[in-house]
Protein backbone atom coordinates (compact mmCIF):
# COMPACT_ATOMS: atom_id res chain seq x y z
CA MET A 1 33.34 -37.64 0.27
CA THR A 2 31.15 -40.98 -0.22
CA SER A 3 27.43 -40.47 -0.35
CA GLN A 4 25.46 -42.29 2.20
CA PRO A 5 22.04 -43.89 0.86
CA VAL A 6 19.04 -41.84 1.62
CA GLY A 7 17.28 -42.76 4.79
CA GLN A 8 20.34 -44.26 6.43
CA THR A 9 22.55 -42.58 9.11
CA ALA A 10 26.47 -42.66 8.94
CA ARG A 11 29.18 -41.66 11.46
CA ARG A 12 32.67 -40.48 10.25
CA GLY A 13 35.90 -40.19 12.13
CA SER A 14 36.72 -41.15 15.61
CA SER A 15 34.91 -38.48 17.41
CA PRO A 16 31.30 -37.98 15.65
CA LEU A 17 29.00 -35.25 16.85
CA PRO A 18 26.58 -36.33 19.49
CA GLY A 19 23.08 -36.98 18.34
CA ALA A 20 21.69 -38.01 14.86
CA ASN A 21 24.15 -37.74 11.82
CA LEU A 22 21.67 -36.41 9.20
CA PRO A 23 22.83 -36.73 5.54
CA VAL A 24 21.99 -33.52 3.57
CA LYS A 25 21.37 -33.54 -0.29
CA PHE A 26 19.61 -30.66 -2.07
CA ASN A 27 15.95 -31.20 -3.20
CA SER A 28 15.79 -35.10 -2.86
CA PRO A 29 12.55 -36.35 -0.94
CA LEU A 30 12.83 -35.82 2.84
CA THR A 31 12.89 -39.20 4.94
CA TYR A 32 13.05 -39.63 8.74
CA GLY A 33 16.58 -38.85 10.17
CA SER A 34 17.77 -37.47 6.81
CA LEU A 35 17.94 -34.08 5.30
CA VAL A 36 18.43 -34.01 1.57
CA LEU A 37 19.08 -30.70 -0.34
CA LEU A 38 19.82 -30.13 -4.05
CA VAL A 39 21.11 -27.00 -5.73
CA GLY A 40 19.91 -28.15 -9.01
CA LYS A 41 19.23 -31.12 -11.29
CA THR A 42 22.46 -31.10 -13.42
CA GLU A 43 25.22 -33.45 -14.10
CA THR A 44 27.25 -31.86 -11.41
CA ILE A 45 24.61 -32.60 -8.61
CA LYS A 46 26.94 -35.17 -6.80
CA GLN A 47 29.90 -32.85 -6.74
CA ARG A 48 27.74 -29.97 -5.13
CA ALA A 49 25.65 -32.27 -2.48
CA ILE A 50 26.73 -31.48 1.12
CA TYR A 51 25.85 -33.56 4.25
CA VAL A 52 24.89 -31.97 7.39
CA TYR A 53 25.12 -33.80 10.69
CA LEU A 54 22.72 -32.10 13.17
CA PRO A 55 23.24 -32.44 16.95
CA SER A 56 19.88 -34.26 17.22
CA VAL A 57 16.69 -35.24 15.27
CA GLU A 58 14.98 -32.57 17.28
CA HIS A 59 17.08 -29.93 15.39
CA LYS A 60 16.10 -31.28 12.19
CA GLU A 61 12.35 -31.19 13.23
CA ARG A 62 12.79 -27.72 14.46
CA TRP A 63 14.13 -26.59 11.02
CA GLU A 64 11.28 -28.47 9.41
CA ARG A 65 8.56 -26.36 11.63
CA TYR A 66 10.35 -23.09 10.76
CA ALA A 67 10.28 -24.00 6.92
CA LYS A 68 6.70 -24.96 7.12
CA LYS A 69 5.97 -21.69 8.82
CA LEU A 70 7.57 -19.58 6.21
CA GLY A 71 6.01 -21.63 3.42
CA VAL A 72 9.04 -22.84 1.75
CA SER A 73 10.59 -26.20 1.37
CA LEU A 74 13.43 -27.37 3.79
CA SER A 75 16.05 -27.19 1.01
CA LYS A 76 15.14 -23.64 0.23
CA PHE A 77 14.94 -22.75 3.93
CA VAL A 78 18.47 -24.05 4.73
CA ILE A 79 19.98 -22.23 1.63
CA GLU A 80 18.34 -19.16 2.31
CA TYR A 81 19.61 -18.61 5.92
CA VAL A 82 23.08 -19.83 5.04
CA GLU A 83 23.23 -17.32 2.35
CA ASN A 84 21.67 -14.57 4.39
CA SER A 85 24.42 -15.25 7.00
CA ILE A 86 27.13 -15.11 4.43
CA ARG A 87 25.79 -12.10 2.46
CA GLN A 88 25.44 -10.13 6.06
CA GLU A 89 29.10 -10.74 6.51
CA GLU A 90 30.21 -9.86 3.04
CA GLU A 91 27.66 -7.07 2.13
CA PRO A 92 27.23 -4.26 4.69
CA GLY A 93 23.71 -3.07 4.70
CA TYR A 94 22.39 -6.41 3.34
CA LYS A 95 18.75 -7.11 4.48
CA SER A 96 17.43 -10.74 5.42
CA ARG A 97 14.19 -11.94 4.67
CA SER A 98 13.17 -11.46 8.42
CA ASP A 99 14.56 -7.81 8.14
CA LEU A 100 12.61 -7.08 5.04
CA LEU A 101 9.36 -8.57 6.23
CA LYS A 102 9.80 -6.43 9.33
CA GLU A 103 10.52 -3.36 7.51
CA ASN A 104 7.67 -3.91 5.22
CA SER A 105 5.30 -4.39 8.24
CA GLU A 106 6.45 -1.09 9.64
CA LEU A 107 6.01 0.80 6.34
CA LYS A 108 2.39 -0.53 6.12
CA LYS A 109 1.72 0.67 9.60
CA LYS A 110 3.02 4.09 8.74
CA VAL A 111 0.87 4.08 5.45
CA GLN A 112 -2.09 3.35 7.51
CA GLU A 113 -1.31 5.99 10.14
CA LEU A 114 -0.84 8.75 7.35
CA SER A 115 -3.86 7.55 5.37
CA LYS A 116 -5.85 8.12 8.68
CA LYS A 117 -4.44 11.64 9.04
CA CYS A 118 -5.13 12.48 5.54
CA ARG A 119 -8.65 11.56 6.03
CA LEU A 120 -9.07 13.67 9.16
CA LEU A 121 -7.31 16.58 7.33
CA GLU A 122 -9.57 16.10 4.21
CA ARG A 123 -12.86 16.33 6.65
CA ALA A 124 -11.34 19.28 8.22
CA VAL A 125 -10.81 21.06 4.88
CA GLU A 126 -14.36 20.20 3.91
CA ARG A 127 -15.83 21.64 7.05
CA LEU A 128 -13.85 24.87 6.38
CA GLU A 129 -14.96 25.20 2.80
CA GLU A 130 -18.44 24.72 3.95
CA GLU A 131 -18.26 27.41 6.55
CA LEU A 132 -16.54 29.74 3.84
CA ARG A 133 -19.27 29.18 1.33
CA ARG A 134 -21.95 29.82 3.94
CA TYR A 135 -20.24 32.85 4.96
CA ARG A 136 -19.97 34.18 1.28
CA ALA A 137 -23.71 33.31 0.93
CA ARG A 138 -24.99 35.44 3.51
CA PRO A 139 -24.90 39.00 1.52
CA PHE A 140 -27.13 37.05 -1.00
CA LEU A 141 -29.55 35.76 1.46
CA GLU A 142 -30.05 38.84 3.58
CA GLU A 143 -32.61 41.27 1.73
CA GLU A 144 -31.39 44.12 3.90
CA PHE A 145 -27.58 43.45 3.60
CA GLU A 146 -25.72 46.65 3.33
CA GLY A 147 -22.01 46.48 1.96
CA VAL A 148 -20.48 45.05 -0.94
CA ARG A 149 -21.67 41.67 -2.35
CA VAL A 150 -18.68 39.46 -3.51
CA TYR A 151 -19.46 37.16 -6.33
CA GLU A 152 -17.91 33.80 -6.50
CA LYS A 153 -14.95 34.10 -8.66
CA GLU A 154 -14.98 30.56 -9.77
CA LEU A 155 -18.65 30.92 -10.93
CA ILE A 156 -17.71 33.90 -13.26
CA ASN A 157 -14.68 32.07 -14.55
CA LEU A 158 -16.83 28.79 -15.27
CA LEU A 159 -19.40 30.98 -17.04
CA LYS A 160 -16.78 32.81 -19.14
CA SER A 161 -14.90 29.43 -20.17
CA ARG A 162 -17.91 27.68 -21.43
CA GLU A 163 -20.61 28.48 -23.99
CA VAL A 164 -23.40 27.02 -21.87
CA VAL A 165 -23.44 25.72 -18.20
CA SER A 166 -26.01 23.98 -16.69
CA SER A 167 -27.16 24.52 -12.88
CA ASP A 168 -26.05 21.03 -11.98
CA GLU A 169 -22.63 21.49 -13.67
CA ILE A 170 -22.15 24.83 -11.73
CA LEU A 171 -23.05 23.03 -8.43
CA SER A 172 -20.70 20.05 -9.25
CA HIS A 173 -18.02 22.63 -10.25
CA LEU A 174 -18.06 24.54 -6.88
CA GLY A 175 -18.28 21.60 -4.74
CA ILE A 176 -21.61 22.38 -3.43
CA ASP A 177 -23.59 19.40 -1.97
CA PRO A 178 -27.24 19.27 -3.00
CA SER A 179 -28.08 19.35 0.65
CA GLU A 180 -26.50 22.91 1.19
CA SER A 181 -29.77 24.64 0.46
CA ALA A 182 -28.65 28.04 1.71
CA VAL A 183 -25.59 27.95 -0.41
CA ILE A 184 -27.71 26.87 -3.51
CA LYS A 185 -29.96 29.69 -3.05
CA ALA A 186 -27.04 32.15 -2.70
CA ILE A 187 -25.67 30.84 -5.91
CA SER A 188 -29.18 31.27 -7.72
CA ARG A 189 -29.35 34.73 -6.41
CA GLN A 190 -25.86 35.65 -7.82
CA LEU A 191 -26.83 34.20 -11.23
CA GLU A 192 -30.22 36.25 -11.06
CA ASN A 193 -28.15 39.38 -10.26
CA LEU A 194 -25.77 38.73 -13.13
CA GLU A 195 -28.79 38.36 -15.50
CA ALA A 196 -30.34 41.61 -14.28
CA TYR A 197 -27.06 43.29 -14.98
CA GLY A 198 -27.07 41.80 -18.48
CA LEU A 199 -24.00 39.79 -17.85
CA VAL A 200 -25.69 36.12 -18.30
CA LYS A 201 -28.72 34.69 -19.86
CA TYR A 202 -30.59 31.79 -19.05
CA THR A 203 -31.42 29.29 -21.74
CA PRO A 204 -33.12 25.89 -21.84
CA THR A 205 -29.76 24.08 -21.69
CA GLY A 206 -28.34 26.41 -19.02
CA TRP A 207 -26.64 29.74 -18.35
CA ARG A 208 -24.52 31.58 -20.91
CA TRP A 209 -22.15 34.32 -20.51
CA ILE A 210 -23.03 37.42 -22.65
CA GLY A 211 -21.20 40.23 -20.67
């Protein structure tokens, strides 16, 4: 095939397509009425150049709009869409750019929904833990309580596992908020009782397990 100069149109054969004949060569500058695409700047560029005759100039302008919308050059736009069509025929399960973008958008939506559910569940767990702490704290807050007082297992394990534990470390380890005054008071009562039983001892740096 004889190349046509860029910017000029050409008609071939006795029955040319209606409308504008648009020469196409990969990666060359784009001029009005022509579409120039290049596969790569090598010595074989002329052998690999192709000419595409579109039905009209409007078709070419439509391609330009879509390429601009996708943020790619017209050359890459044409190559990608042609390759997508071929690979969809040759490779079952092949996904085009639009398919991948759609799938990515759907996955992002699912992640947002799951994140929202996760936050709701975390808040629900926090409320349940607060209620449980208040329930366990009641026996140590009621002076006339009758029954068995159950000490916090985590508190005992914490005291046993470290040489000295400060009051702030105890509250942090047990997940107690500073605003939970009733629960803090119950923990203090537990520590005082343990000290009275000779199991722990308070020092200037914190509580020490001696039982």
